[in-house]
Amino acid sequence: MAAKWIETLTGPLEQKKQYRQDKARIDALPEPYGTAAKAMHRYFMYYAGFVEGDTLVTMFTDLADLWERASADGTPLREIVGDDPVGFADTFAEAYSGKKWIDKERARLVKAFADAESEAER
């Protein structure tokens, strides 16, 4: 009973468990892969803005997979991200669909302009 109440407030506990596991995988990466993965993780926490936990968890699982594979193969960082780490990270995040917090604000902005135009026509 208490778990349902907690999940109502905080979201599914299974998602939190998976997130913690993926974060631990990222933290365990050898250098320079650990630094790169942690930097991308931090960027996604600010940039991605997903409001659906399952989308975010999937993205972080894939991020951990990417850097673990690169580490295991010894792939140089620039062979993965190219010359533009920001562009790579943006493209990586755009591959995941889900509601973002900004979607609500975009809809609000569009509505405000529509309301303003209808007021001007009166």
PDB file of N, CA and C in Angstrom:
ATOM      1  N   MET A   1       0.817  -1.190   0.000  1.00  0.00           N
ATOM      2  CA  MET A   1       0.000   0.000   0.000  1.00  0.00           C
ATOM      3  C   MET A   1       0.865   1.259   0.000  1.00  0.00           C
ATOM      4  N   ALA A   2       1.887   1.257   0.839  1.00  0.00           N
ATOM      5  CA  ALA A   2       2.750   2.434   0.923  1.00  0.00           C
ATOM      6  C   ALA A   2       3.520   2.653  -0.371  1.00  0.00           C
ATOM      7  N   ALA A   3       3.907   1.561  -1.032  1.00  0.00           N
ATOM      8  CA  ALA A   3       4.657   1.694  -2.285  1.00  0.00           C
ATOM      9  C   ALA A   3       3.824   2.397  -3.346  1.00  0.00           C
ATOM     10  N   LYS A   4       2.537   2.085  -3.425  1.00  0.00           N
ATOM     11  CA  LYS A   4       1.648   2.739  -4.400  1.00  0.00           C
ATOM     12  C   LYS A   4       1.550   4.226  -4.105  1.00  0.00           C
ATOM     13  N   TRP A   5       1.451   4.584  -2.857  1.00  0.00           N
ATOM     14  CA  TRP A   5       1.359   5.990  -2.462  1.00  0.00           C
ATOM     15  C   TRP A   5       2.641   6.731  -2.829  1.00  0.00           C
ATOM     16  N   ILE A   6       3.771   6.096  -2.556  1.00  0.00           N
ATOM     17  CA  ILE A   6       5.066   6.715  -2.881  1.00  0.00           C
ATOM     18  C   ILE A   6       5.195   6.874  -4.392  1.00  0.00           C
ATOM     19  N   GLU A   7       4.824   5.821  -5.149  1.00  0.00           N
ATOM     20  CA  GLU A   7       4.926   5.891  -6.606  1.00  0.00           C
ATOM     21  C   GLU A   7       4.008   6.958  -7.182  1.00  0.00           C
ATOM     22  N   THR A   8       2.882   7.187  -6.558  1.00  0.00           N
ATOM     23  CA  THR A   8       1.977   8.248  -7.008  1.00  0.00           C
ATOM     24  C   THR A   8       2.667   9.601  -6.924  1.00  0.00           C
ATOM     25  N   LEU A   9       3.460   9.800  -5.899  1.00  0.00           N
ATOM     26  CA  LEU A   9       4.158  11.072  -5.712  1.00  0.00           C
ATOM     27  C   LEU A   9       5.449  11.182  -6.520  1.00  0.00           C
ATOM     28  N   THR A  10       6.196  10.088  -6.605  1.00  0.00           N
ATOM     29  CA  THR A  10       7.546  10.172  -7.162  1.00  0.00           C
ATOM     30  C   THR A  10       7.739   9.463  -8.490  1.00  0.00           C
ATOM     31  N   GLY A  11       6.770   8.660  -8.909  1.00  0.00           N
ATOM     32  CA  GLY A  11       6.929   7.874 -10.127  1.00  0.00           C
ATOM     33  C   GLY A  11       7.314   6.448  -9.792  1.00  0.00           C
ATOM     34  N   PRO A  12       7.314   5.590 -10.799  1.00  0.00           N
ATOM     35  CA  PRO A  12       7.594   4.169 -10.579  1.00  0.00           C
ATOM     36  C   PRO A  12       8.959   3.910  -9.938  1.00  0.00           C
ATOM     37  N   LEU A  13       8.961   3.076  -8.903  1.00  0.00           N
ATOM     38  CA  LEU A  13      10.202   2.745  -8.208  1.00  0.00           C
ATOM     39  C   LEU A  13      11.145   1.941  -9.104  1.00  0.00           C
ATOM     40  N   GLU A  14      10.599   1.138 -10.009  1.00  0.00           N
ATOM     41  CA  GLU A  14      11.427   0.352 -10.925  1.00  0.00           C
ATOM     42  C   GLU A  14      12.263   1.272 -11.817  1.00  0.00           C
ATOM     43  N   GLN A  15      11.691   2.403 -12.235  1.00  0.00           N
ATOM     44  CA  GLN A  15      12.440   3.369 -13.049  1.00  0.00           C
ATOM     45  C   GLN A  15      13.599   3.955 -12.252  1.00  0.00           C
ATOM     46  N   LYS A  16      13.354   4.249 -11.006  1.00  0.00           N
ATOM     47  CA  LYS A  16      14.412   4.803 -10.163  1.00  0.00           C
ATOM     48  C   LYS A  16      15.538   3.788  -9.962  1.00  0.00           C
ATOM     49  N   LYS A  17      15.159   2.524  -9.789  1.00  0.00           N
ATOM     50  CA  LYS A  17      16.153   1.462  -9.634  1.00  0.00           C
ATOM     51  C   LYS A  17      16.999   1.348 -10.903  1.00  0.00           C
ATOM     52  N   GLN A  18      16.345   1.346 -12.065  1.00  0.00           N
ATOM     53  CA  GLN A  18      17.071   1.250 -13.331  1.00  0.00           C
ATOM     54  C   GLN A  18      17.986   2.459 -13.527  1.00  0.00           C
ATOM     55  N   TYR A  19      17.494   3.649 -13.193  1.00  0.00           N
ATOM     56  CA  TYR A  19      18.305   4.864 -13.311  1.00  0.00           C
ATOM     57  C   TYR A  19      19.564   4.746 -12.447  1.00  0.00           C
ATOM     58  N   ARG A  20      19.400   4.303 -11.215  1.00  0.00           N
ATOM     59  CA  ARG A  20      20.554   4.164 -10.315  1.00  0.00           C
ATOM     60  C   ARG A  20      21.556   3.142 -10.859  1.00  0.00           C
ATOM     61  N   GLN A  21      21.053   2.059 -11.437  1.00  0.00           N
ATOM     62  CA  GLN A  21      21.950   1.054 -12.026  1.00  0.00           C
ATOM     63  C   GLN A  21      22.723   1.640 -13.203  1.00  0.00           C
ATOM     64  N   ASP A  22      22.022   2.383 -14.064  1.00  0.00           N
ATOM     65  CA  ASP A  22      22.697   2.992 -15.213  1.00  0.00           C
ATOM     66  C   ASP A  22      23.707   4.041 -14.767  1.00  0.00           C
ATOM     67  N   LYS A  23      23.355   4.814 -13.763  1.00  0.00           N
ATOM     68  CA  LYS A  23      24.278   5.829 -13.243  1.00  0.00           C
ATOM     69  C   LYS A  23      25.515   5.155 -12.670  1.00  0.00           C
ATOM     70  N   ALA A  24      25.352   4.038 -11.978  1.00  0.00           N
ATOM     71  CA  ALA A  24      26.497   3.298 -11.433  1.00  0.00           C
ATOM     72  C   ALA A  24      27.374   2.755 -12.561  1.00  0.00           C
ATOM     73  N   ARG A  25      26.768   2.317 -13.656  1.00  0.00           N
ATOM     74  CA  ARG A  25      27.537   1.838 -14.809  1.00  0.00           C
ATOM     75  C   ARG A  25      28.373   2.977 -15.388  1.00  0.00           C
ATOM     76  N   ILE A  26      27.775   4.153 -15.482  1.00  0.00           N
ATOM     77  CA  ILE A  26      28.490   5.321 -16.003  1.00  0.00           C
ATOM     78  C   ILE A  26      29.629   5.701 -15.063  1.00  0.00           C
ATOM     79  N   ASP A  27      29.346   5.697 -13.762  1.00  0.00           N
ATOM     80  CA  ASP A  27      30.372   6.052 -12.777  1.00  0.00           C
ATOM     81  C   ASP A  27      31.537   5.063 -12.768  1.00  0.00           C
ATOM     82  N   ALA A  28      31.295   3.828 -13.184  1.00  0.00           N
ATOM     83  CA  ALA A  28      32.336   2.801 -13.161  1.00  0.00           C
ATOM     84  C   ALA A  28      33.200   2.770 -14.423  1.00  0.00           C
ATOM     85  N   LEU A  29      32.874   3.583 -15.406  1.00  0.00           N
ATOM     86  CA  LEU A  29      33.642   3.574 -16.655  1.00  0.00           C
ATOM     87  C   LEU A  29      35.069   4.072 -16.429  1.00  0.00           C
ATOM     88  N   PRO A  30      36.018   3.481 -17.137  1.00  0.00           N
ATOM     89  CA  PRO A  30      37.398   3.976 -17.040  1.00  0.00           C
ATOM     90  C   PRO A  30      37.532   5.299 -17.799  1.00  0.00           C
ATOM     91  N   GLU A  31      38.592   6.002 -17.489  1.00  0.00           N
ATOM     92  CA  GLU A  31      38.846   7.270 -18.181  1.00  0.00           C
ATOM     93  C   GLU A  31      39.415   7.002 -19.567  1.00  0.00           C
ATOM     94  N   PRO A  32      39.139   7.829 -20.515  1.00  0.00           N
ATOM     95  CA  PRO A  32      38.394   9.086 -20.529  1.00  0.00           C
ATOM     96  C   PRO A  32      36.890   8.895 -20.744  1.00  0.00           C
ATOM     97  N   TYR A  33      36.440   7.634 -20.857  1.00  0.00           N
ATOM     98  CA  TYR A  33      35.038   7.362 -21.160  1.00  0.00           C
ATOM     99  C   TYR A  33      34.114   7.811 -20.027  1.00  0.00           C
ATOM    100  N   GLY A  34      34.566   7.640 -18.796  1.00  0.00           N
ATOM    101  CA  GLY A  34      33.759   8.063 -17.657  1.00  0.00           C
ATOM    102  C   GLY A  34      33.491   9.556 -17.668  1.00  0.00           C
ATOM    103  N   THR A  35      34.521  10.331 -17.937  1.00  0.00           N
ATOM    104  CA  THR A  35      34.350  11.789 -17.984  1.00  0.00           C
ATOM    105  C   THR A  35      33.395  12.193 -19.099  1.00  0.00           C
ATOM    106  N   ALA A  36      33.545  11.567 -20.270  1.00  0.00           N
ATOM    107  CA  ALA A  36      32.679  11.888 -21.403  1.00  0.00           C
ATOM    108  C   ALA A  36      31.226  11.505 -21.107  1.00  0.00           C
ATOM    109  N   ALA A  37      31.017  10.310 -20.566  1.00  0.00           N
ATOM    110  CA  ALA A  37      29.661   9.847 -20.269  1.00  0.00           C
ATOM    111  C   ALA A  37      29.004  10.706 -19.189  1.00  0.00           C
ATOM    112  N   LYS A  38      29.767  11.066 -18.164  1.00  0.00           N
ATOM    113  CA  LYS A  38      29.218  11.912 -17.088  1.00  0.00           C
ATOM    114  C   LYS A  38      28.866  13.300 -17.618  1.00  0.00           C
ATOM    115  N   ALA A  39      29.678  13.807 -18.520  1.00  0.00           N
ATOM    116  CA  ALA A  39      29.390  15.121 -19.107  1.00  0.00           C
ATOM    117  C   ALA A  39      28.108  15.070 -19.936  1.00  0.00           C
ATOM    118  N   MET A  40      27.935  13.999 -20.708  1.00  0.00           N
ATOM    119  CA  MET A  40      26.709  13.863 -21.494  1.00  0.00           C
ATOM    120  C   MET A  40      25.500  13.669 -20.576  1.00  0.00           C
ATOM    121  N   HIS A  41      25.661  12.886 -19.524  1.00  0.00           N
ATOM    122  CA  HIS A  41      24.574  12.670 -18.563  1.00  0.00           C
ATOM    123  C   HIS A  41      24.131  14.002 -17.968  1.00  0.00           C
ATOM    124  N   ARG A  42      25.084  14.800 -17.549  1.00  0.00           N
ATOM    125  CA  ARG A  42      24.759  16.106 -16.975  1.00  0.00           C
ATOM    126  C   ARG A  42      24.049  16.988 -17.999  1.00  0.00           C
ATOM    127  N   TYR A  43      24.544  16.988 -19.216  1.00  0.00           N
ATOM    128  CA  TYR A  43      23.942  17.786 -20.283  1.00  0.00           C
ATOM    129  C   TYR A  43      22.495  17.368 -20.516  1.00  0.00           C
ATOM    130  N   PHE A  44      22.263  16.054 -20.541  1.00  0.00           N
ATOM    131  CA  PHE A  44      20.899  15.568 -20.759  1.00  0.00           C
ATOM    132  C   PHE A  44      19.962  15.945 -19.621  1.00  0.00           C
ATOM    133  N   MET A  45      20.469  16.008 -18.426  1.00  0.00           N
ATOM    134  CA  MET A  45      19.615  16.400 -17.296  1.00  0.00           C
ATOM    135  C   MET A  45      19.106  17.829 -17.481  1.00  0.00           C
ATOM    136  N   TYR A  46      19.893  18.677 -18.122  1.00  0.00           N
ATOM    137  CA  TYR A  46      19.468  20.051 -18.392  1.00  0.00           C
ATOM    138  C   TYR A  46      18.759  20.182 -19.724  1.00  0.00           C
ATOM    139  N   TYR A  47      19.304  19.540 -20.746  1.00  0.00           N
ATOM    140  CA  TYR A  47      18.830  19.749 -22.110  1.00  0.00           C
ATOM    141  C   TYR A  47      17.578  18.960 -22.450  1.00  0.00           C
ATOM    142  N   ALA A  48      17.553  17.684 -22.128  1.00  0.00           N
ATOM    143  CA  ALA A  48      16.497  16.804 -22.625  1.00  0.00           C
ATOM    144  C   ALA A  48      15.122  17.230 -22.140  1.00  0.00           C
ATOM    145  N   GLY A  49      14.969  17.501 -20.870  1.00  0.00           N
ATOM    146  CA  GLY A  49      13.711  18.021 -20.341  1.00  0.00           C
ATOM    147  C   GLY A  49      12.521  17.092 -20.461  1.00  0.00           C
ATOM    148  N   PHE A  50      12.745  15.790 -20.515  1.00  0.00           N
ATOM    149  CA  PHE A  50      11.627  14.859 -20.616  1.00  0.00           C
ATOM    150  C   PHE A  50      10.844  14.828 -19.311  1.00  0.00           C
ATOM    151  N   VAL A  51       9.528  14.731 -19.421  1.00  0.00           N
ATOM    152  CA  VAL A  51       8.702  14.602 -18.230  1.00  0.00           C
ATOM    153  C   VAL A  51       8.256  13.161 -18.022  1.00  0.00           C
ATOM    154  N   GLU A  52       8.524  12.297 -18.991  1.00  0.00           N
ATOM    155  CA  GLU A  52       8.173  10.883 -18.868  1.00  0.00           C
ATOM    156  C   GLU A  52       9.417  10.110 -18.438  1.00  0.00           C
ATOM    157  N   GLY A  53       9.334   9.516 -17.269  1.00  0.00           N
ATOM    158  CA  GLY A  53      10.483   8.815 -16.715  1.00  0.00           C
ATOM    159  C   GLY A  53      10.977   7.663 -17.557  1.00  0.00           C
ATOM    160  N   ASP A  54      10.054   6.948 -18.214  1.00  0.00           N
ATOM    161  CA  ASP A  54      10.494   5.802 -19.000  1.00  0.00           C
ATOM    162  C   ASP A  54      11.356   6.223 -20.178  1.00  0.00           C
ATOM    163  N   THR A  55      11.070   7.372 -20.770  1.00  0.00           N
ATOM    164  CA  THR A  55      11.893   7.876 -21.869  1.00  0.00           C
ATOM    165  C   THR A  55      13.288   8.217 -21.364  1.00  0.00           C
ATOM    166  N   LEU A  56      13.350   8.895 -20.246  1.00  0.00           N
ATOM    167  CA  LEU A  56      14.640   9.290 -19.670  1.00  0.00           C
ATOM    168  C   LEU A  56      15.467   8.069 -19.269  1.00  0.00           C
ATOM    169  N   VAL A  57      14.827   7.088 -18.661  1.00  0.00           N
ATOM    170  CA  VAL A  57      15.536   5.885 -18.242  1.00  0.00           C
ATOM    171  C   VAL A  57      16.080   5.131 -19.458  1.00  0.00           C
ATOM    172  N   THR A  58      15.280   5.019 -20.502  1.00  0.00           N
ATOM    173  CA  THR A  58      15.738   4.345 -21.722  1.00  0.00           C
ATOM    174  C   THR A  58      16.953   5.064 -22.305  1.00  0.00           C
ATOM    175  N   MET A  59      16.893   6.394 -22.322  1.00  0.00           N
ATOM    176  CA  MET A  59      18.002   7.169 -22.872  1.00  0.00           C
ATOM    177  C   MET A  59      19.277   6.956 -22.048  1.00  0.00           C
ATOM    178  N   PHE A  60      19.170   6.927 -20.725  1.00  0.00           N
ATOM    179  CA  PHE A  60      20.356   6.745 -19.895  1.00  0.00           C
ATOM    180  C   PHE A  60      20.892   5.309 -19.974  1.00  0.00           C
ATOM    181  N   THR A  61      20.011   4.340 -20.164  1.00  0.00           N
ATOM    182  CA  THR A  61      20.470   2.968 -20.374  1.00  0.00           C
ATOM    183  C   THR A  61      21.275   2.887 -21.665  1.00  0.00           C
ATOM    184  N   ASP A  62      20.751   3.520 -22.715  1.00  0.00           N
ATOM    185  CA  ASP A  62      21.466   3.527 -23.996  1.00  0.00           C
ATOM    186  C   ASP A  62      22.779   4.290 -23.906  1.00  0.00           C
ATOM    187  N   LEU A  63      22.804   5.361 -23.121  1.00  0.00           N
ATOM    188  CA  LEU A  63      24.034   6.131 -22.927  1.00  0.00           C
ATOM    189  C   LEU A  63      25.096   5.259 -22.254  1.00  0.00           C
ATOM    190  N   ALA A  64      24.706   4.536 -21.205  1.00  0.00           N
ATOM    191  CA  ALA A  64      25.649   3.643 -20.522  1.00  0.00           C
ATOM    192  C   ALA A  64      26.130   2.551 -21.477  1.00  0.00           C
ATOM    193  N   ASP A  65      25.209   2.001 -22.277  1.00  0.00           N
ATOM    194  CA  ASP A  65      25.583   0.974 -23.258  1.00  0.00           C
ATOM    195  C   ASP A  65      26.614   1.511 -24.256  1.00  0.00           C
ATOM    196  N   LEU A  66      26.355   2.718 -24.767  1.00  0.00           N
ATOM    197  CA  LEU A  66      27.252   3.335 -25.759  1.00  0.00           C
ATOM    198  C   LEU A  66      28.672   3.448 -25.219  1.00  0.00           C
ATOM    199  N   TRP A  67      28.814   4.001 -24.018  1.00  0.00           N
ATOM    200  CA  TRP A  67      30.149   4.258 -23.487  1.00  0.00           C
ATOM    201  C   TRP A  67      30.819   2.988 -22.971  1.00  0.00           C
ATOM    202  N   GLU A  68      30.041   2.029 -22.493  1.00  0.00           N
ATOM    203  CA  GLU A  68      30.648   0.751 -22.119  1.00  0.00           C
ATOM    204  C   GLU A  68      31.216   0.050 -23.351  1.00  0.00           C
ATOM    205  N   ARG A  69      30.469   0.071 -24.448  1.00  0.00           N
ATOM    206  CA  ARG A  69      30.941  -0.562 -25.686  1.00  0.00           C
ATOM    207  C   ARG A  69      32.178   0.164 -26.213  1.00  0.00           C
ATOM    208  N   ALA A  70      32.150   1.487 -26.198  1.00  0.00           N
ATOM    209  CA  ALA A  70      33.305   2.260 -26.671  1.00  0.00           C
ATOM    210  C   ALA A  70      34.535   1.950 -25.826  1.00  0.00           C
ATOM    211  N   SER A  71      34.334   1.849 -24.528  1.00  0.00           N
ATOM    212  CA  SER A  71      35.439   1.533 -23.627  1.00  0.00           C
ATOM    213  C   SER A  71      35.986   0.136 -23.903  1.00  0.00           C
ATOM    214  N   ALA A  72      35.105  -0.821 -24.063  1.00  0.00           N
ATOM    215  CA  ALA A  72      35.519  -2.207 -24.312  1.00  0.00           C
ATOM    216  C   ALA A  72      36.273  -2.333 -25.635  1.00  0.00           C
ATOM    217  N   ASP A  73      35.842  -1.555 -26.625  1.00  0.00           N
ATOM    218  CA  ASP A  73      36.480  -1.604 -27.943  1.00  0.00           C
ATOM    219  C   ASP A  73      37.698  -0.698 -28.046  1.00  0.00           C
ATOM    220  N   GLY A  74      37.875   0.207 -27.072  1.00  0.00           N
ATOM    221  CA  GLY A  74      38.983   1.161 -27.125  1.00  0.00           C
ATOM    222  C   GLY A  74      38.788   2.227 -28.195  1.00  0.00           C
ATOM    223  N   THR A  75      37.547   2.529 -28.512  1.00  0.00           N
ATOM    224  CA  THR A  75      37.236   3.528 -29.542  1.00  0.00           C
ATOM    225  C   THR A  75      37.573   4.928 -29.035  1.00  0.00           C
ATOM    226  N   PRO A  76      38.347   5.712 -29.785  1.00  0.00           N
ATOM    227  CA  PRO A  76      38.644   7.084 -29.372  1.00  0.00           C
ATOM    228  C   PRO A  76      37.362   7.918 -29.265  1.00  0.00           C
ATOM    229  N   LEU A  77      37.348   8.832 -28.311  1.00  0.00           N
ATOM    230  CA  LEU A  77      36.160   9.653 -28.066  1.00  0.00           C
ATOM    231  C   LEU A  77      35.681  10.377 -29.321  1.00  0.00           C
ATOM    232  N   ARG A  78      36.613  10.969 -30.055  1.00  0.00           N
ATOM    233  CA  ARG A  78      36.236  11.759 -31.236  1.00  0.00           C
ATOM    234  C   ARG A  78      35.674  10.896 -32.365  1.00  0.00           C
ATOM    235  N   GLU A  79      35.992   9.605 -32.352  1.00  0.00           N
ATOM    236  CA  GLU A  79      35.378   8.728 -33.351  1.00  0.00           C
ATOM    237  C   GLU A  79      33.895   8.523 -33.050  1.00  0.00           C
ATOM    238  N   ILE A  80      33.518   8.732 -31.830  1.00  0.00           N
ATOM    239  CA  ILE A  80      32.113   8.574 -31.432  1.00  0.00           C
ATOM    240  C   ILE A  80      31.354   9.885 -31.630  1.00  0.00           C
ATOM    241  N   VAL A  81      31.875  10.966 -31.082  1.00  0.00           N
ATOM    242  CA  VAL A  81      31.122  12.234 -31.095  1.00  0.00           C
ATOM    243  C   VAL A  81      31.518  13.173 -32.220  1.00  0.00           C
ATOM    244  N   GLY A  82      32.624  12.900 -32.901  1.00  0.00           N
ATOM    245  CA  GLY A  82      33.072  13.802 -33.951  1.00  0.00           C
ATOM    246  C   GLY A  82      33.646  15.082 -33.374  1.00  0.00           C
ATOM    247  N   ASP A  83      33.606  16.145 -34.175  1.00  0.00           N
ATOM    248  CA  ASP A  83      34.170  17.428 -33.750  1.00  0.00           C
ATOM    249  C   ASP A  83      33.205  18.262 -32.914  1.00  0.00           C
ATOM    250  N   ASP A  84      31.944  17.839 -32.835  1.00  0.00           N
ATOM    251  CA  ASP A  84      30.913  18.630 -32.159  1.00  0.00           C
ATOM    252  C   ASP A  84      30.180  17.784 -31.113  1.00  0.00           C
ATOM    253  N   PRO A  85      30.711  17.734 -29.895  1.00  0.00           N
ATOM    254  CA  PRO A  85      30.050  16.936 -28.857  1.00  0.00           C
ATOM    255  C   PRO A  85      28.621  17.404 -28.568  1.00  0.00           C
ATOM    256  N   VAL A  86      28.374  18.707 -28.654  1.00  0.00           N
ATOM    257  CA  VAL A  86      27.028  19.230 -28.407  1.00  0.00           C
ATOM    258  C   VAL A  86      26.063  18.750 -29.488  1.00  0.00           C
ATOM    259  N   GLY A  87      26.483  18.843 -30.732  1.00  0.00           N
ATOM    260  CA  GLY A  87      25.644  18.360 -31.826  1.00  0.00           C
ATOM    261  C   GLY A  87      25.353  16.871 -31.692  1.00  0.00           C
ATOM    262  N   PHE A  88      26.378  16.104 -31.304  1.00  0.00           N
ATOM    263  CA  PHE A  88      26.187  14.669 -31.102  1.00  0.00           C
ATOM    264  C   PHE A  88      25.171  14.418 -29.989  1.00  0.00           C
ATOM    265  N   ALA A  89      25.335  15.121 -28.869  1.00  0.00           N
ATOM    266  CA  ALA A  89      24.431  14.935 -27.727  1.00  0.00           C
ATOM    267  C   ALA A  89      23.004  15.342 -28.091  1.00  0.00           C
ATOM    268  N   ASP A  90      22.854  16.453 -28.807  1.00  0.00           N
ATOM    269  CA  ASP A  90      21.520  16.898 -29.222  1.00  0.00           C
ATOM    270  C   ASP A  90      20.854  15.869 -30.126  1.00  0.00           C
ATOM    271  N   THR A  91      21.602  15.343 -31.073  1.00  0.00           N
ATOM    272  CA  THR A  91      21.069  14.333 -31.986  1.00  0.00           C
ATOM    273  C   THR A  91      20.727  13.057 -31.230  1.00  0.00           C
ATOM    274  N   PHE A  92      21.576  12.671 -30.295  1.00  0.00           N
ATOM    275  CA  PHE A  92      21.326  11.488 -29.466  1.00  0.00           C
ATOM    276  C   PHE A  92      20.004  11.652 -28.720  1.00  0.00           C
ATOM    277  N   ALA A  93      19.798  12.797 -28.073  1.00  0.00           N
ATOM    278  CA  ALA A  93      18.579  13.036 -27.291  1.00  0.00           C
ATOM    279  C   ALA A  93      17.341  13.127 -28.179  1.00  0.00           C
ATOM    280  N   GLU A  94      17.490  13.684 -29.365  1.00  0.00           N
ATOM    281  CA  GLU A  94      16.346  13.828 -30.267  1.00  0.00           C
ATOM    282  C   GLU A  94      15.835  12.481 -30.765  1.00  0.00           C
ATOM    283  N   ALA A  95      16.643  11.442 -30.635  1.00  0.00           N
ATOM    284  CA  ALA A  95      16.216  10.108 -31.058  1.00  0.00           C
ATOM    285  C   ALA A  95      15.152   9.527 -30.128  1.00  0.00           C
ATOM    286  N   TYR A  96      14.948  10.151 -28.979  1.00  0.00           N
ATOM    287  CA  TYR A  96      13.984   9.663 -27.997  1.00  0.00           C
ATOM    288  C   TYR A  96      12.769  10.574 -28.001  1.00  0.00           C
ATOM    289  N   SER A  97      11.622   9.976 -28.263  1.00  0.00           N
ATOM    290  CA  SER A  97      10.412  10.775 -28.283  1.00  0.00           C
ATOM    291  C   SER A  97       9.742  10.674 -26.922  1.00  0.00           C
ATOM    292  N   GLY A  98       9.155  11.736 -26.536  1.00  0.00           N
ATOM    293  CA  GLY A  98       8.456  11.796 -25.266  1.00  0.00           C
ATOM    294  C   GLY A  98       8.075  13.226 -24.984  1.00  0.00           C
ATOM    295  N   LYS A  99       7.168  13.386 -24.055  1.00  0.00           N
ATOM    296  CA  LYS A  99       6.758  14.733 -23.684  1.00  0.00           C
ATOM    297  C   LYS A  99       7.885  15.424 -22.938  1.00  0.00           C
ATOM    298  N   LYS A 100       8.083  16.678 -23.270  1.00  0.00           N
ATOM    299  CA  LYS A 100       9.083  17.494 -22.592  1.00  0.00           C
ATOM    300  C   LYS A 100       8.370  18.620 -21.863  1.00  0.00           C
ATOM    301  N   TRP A 101       9.001  19.141 -20.843  1.00  0.00           N
ATOM    302  CA  TRP A 101       8.373  20.204 -20.072  1.00  0.00           C
ATOM    303  C   TRP A 101       8.127  21.425 -20.940  1.00  0.00           C
ATOM    304  N   ILE A 102       8.966  21.656 -21.934  1.00  0.00           N
ATOM    305  CA  ILE A 102       8.839  22.833 -22.786  1.00  0.00           C
ATOM    306  C   ILE A 102       7.616  22.745 -23.700  1.00  0.00           C
ATOM    307  N   ASP A 103       7.117  21.528 -23.959  1.00  0.00           N
ATOM    308  CA  ASP A 103       5.947  21.364 -24.822  1.00  0.00           C
ATOM    309  C   ASP A 103       4.756  22.163 -24.299  1.00  0.00           C
ATOM    310  N   LYS A 104       4.548  22.134 -22.997  1.00  0.00           N
ATOM    311  CA  LYS A 104       3.444  22.874 -22.380  1.00  0.00           C
ATOM    312  C   LYS A 104       3.625  24.377 -22.597  1.00  0.00           C
ATOM    313  N   GLU A 105       4.845  24.844 -22.453  1.00  0.00           N
ATOM    314  CA  GLU A 105       5.105  26.276 -22.645  1.00  0.00           C
ATOM    315  C   GLU A 105       4.970  26.685 -24.104  1.00  0.00           C
ATOM    316  N   ARG A 106       5.369  25.822 -25.012  1.00  0.00           N
ATOM    317  CA  ARG A 106       5.199  26.117 -26.440  1.00  0.00           C
ATOM    318  C   ARG A 106       3.714  26.244 -26.777  1.00  0.00           C
ATOM    319  N   ALA A 107       2.910  25.305 -26.267  1.00  0.00           N
ATOM    320  CA  ALA A 107       1.462  25.360 -26.502  1.00  0.00           C
ATOM    321  C   ALA A 107       0.873  26.626 -25.895  1.00  0.00           C
ATOM    322  N   ARG A 108       1.345  26.995 -24.735  1.00  0.00           N
ATOM    323  CA  ARG A 108       0.861  28.212 -24.068  1.00  0.00           C
ATOM    324  C   ARG A 108       1.208  29.454 -24.894  1.00  0.00           C
ATOM    325  N   LEU A 109       2.409  29.491 -25.477  1.00  0.00           N
ATOM    326  CA  LEU A 109       2.824  30.623 -26.304  1.00  0.00           C
ATOM    327  C   LEU A 109       1.969  30.722 -27.564  1.00  0.00           C
ATOM    328  N   VAL A 110       1.741  29.593 -28.219  1.00  0.00           N
ATOM    329  CA  VAL A 110       0.909  29.590 -29.422  1.00  0.00           C
ATOM    330  C   VAL A 110      -0.495  30.081 -29.093  1.00  0.00           C
ATOM    331  N   LYS A 111      -1.056  29.609 -27.995  1.00  0.00           N
ATOM    332  CA  LYS A 111      -2.402  30.030 -27.581  1.00  0.00           C
ATOM    333  C   LYS A 111      -2.443  31.525 -27.254  1.00  0.00           C
ATOM    334  N   ALA A 112      -1.416  32.023 -26.613  1.00  0.00           N
ATOM    335  CA  ALA A 112      -1.368  33.450 -26.267  1.00  0.00           C
ATOM    336  C   ALA A 112      -1.401  34.314 -27.526  1.00  0.00           C
ATOM    337  N   PHE A 113      -0.661  33.888 -28.546  1.00  0.00           N
ATOM    338  CA  PHE A 113      -0.671  34.649 -29.800  1.00  0.00           C
ATOM    339  C   PHE A 113      -2.020  34.558 -30.489  1.00  0.00           C
ATOM    340  N   ALA A 114      -2.621  33.380 -30.481  1.00  0.00           N
ATOM    341  CA  ALA A 114      -3.946  33.217 -31.081  1.00  0.00           C
ATOM    342  C   ALA A 114      -4.982  34.067 -30.345  1.00  0.00           C
ATOM    343  N   ASP A 115      -4.901  34.081 -29.031  1.00  0.00           N
ATOM    344  CA  ASP A 115      -5.830  34.906 -28.237  1.00  0.00           C
ATOM    345  C   ASP A 115      -5.611  36.391 -28.517  1.00  0.00           C
ATOM    346  N   ALA A 116      -4.347  36.789 -28.618  1.00  0.00           N
ATOM    347  CA  ALA A 116      -4.039  38.197 -28.896  1.00  0.00           C
ATOM    348  C   ALA A 116      -4.584  38.611 -30.248  1.00  0.00           C
ATOM    349  N   GLU A 117      -4.431  37.726 -31.232  1.00  0.00           N
ATOM    350  CA  GLU A 117      -4.943  38.042 -32.582  1.00  0.00           C
ATOM    351  C   GLU A 117      -6.460  38.126 -32.601  1.00  0.00           C
ATOM    352  N   SER A 118      -7.123  37.227 -31.876  1.00  0.00           N
ATOM    353  CA  SER A 118      -8.585  37.276 -31.856  1.00  0.00           C
ATOM    354  C   SER A 118      -9.078  38.515 -31.109  1.00  0.00           C
ATOM    355  N   GLU A 119      -8.354  38.953 -30.111  1.00  0.00           N
ATOM    356  CA  GLU A 119      -8.706  40.200 -29.413  1.00  0.00           C
ATOM    357  C   GLU A 119      -8.545  41.404 -30.329  1.00  0.00           C
ATOM    358  N   ALA A 120      -7.493  41.404 -31.132  1.00  0.00           N
ATOM    359  CA  ALA A 120      -7.236  42.523 -32.031  1.00  0.00           C
ATOM    360  C   ALA A 120      -8.301  42.607 -33.126  1.00  0.00           C
ATOM    361  N   GLU A 121      -8.883  41.475 -33.497  1.00  0.00           N
ATOM    362  CA  GLU A 121      -9.885  41.461 -34.547  1.00  0.00           C
ATOM    363  C   GLU A 121     -11.249  41.948 -34.046  1.00  0.00           C
ATOM    364  N   ARG A 122     -11.442  42.040 -32.783  1.00  0.00           N
ATOM    365  CA  ARG A 122     -12.730  42.487 -32.218  1.00  0.00           C
ATOM    366  C   ARG A 122     -12.872  43.961 -32.255  1.00  0.00           C
TER     367      ARG A 122
END
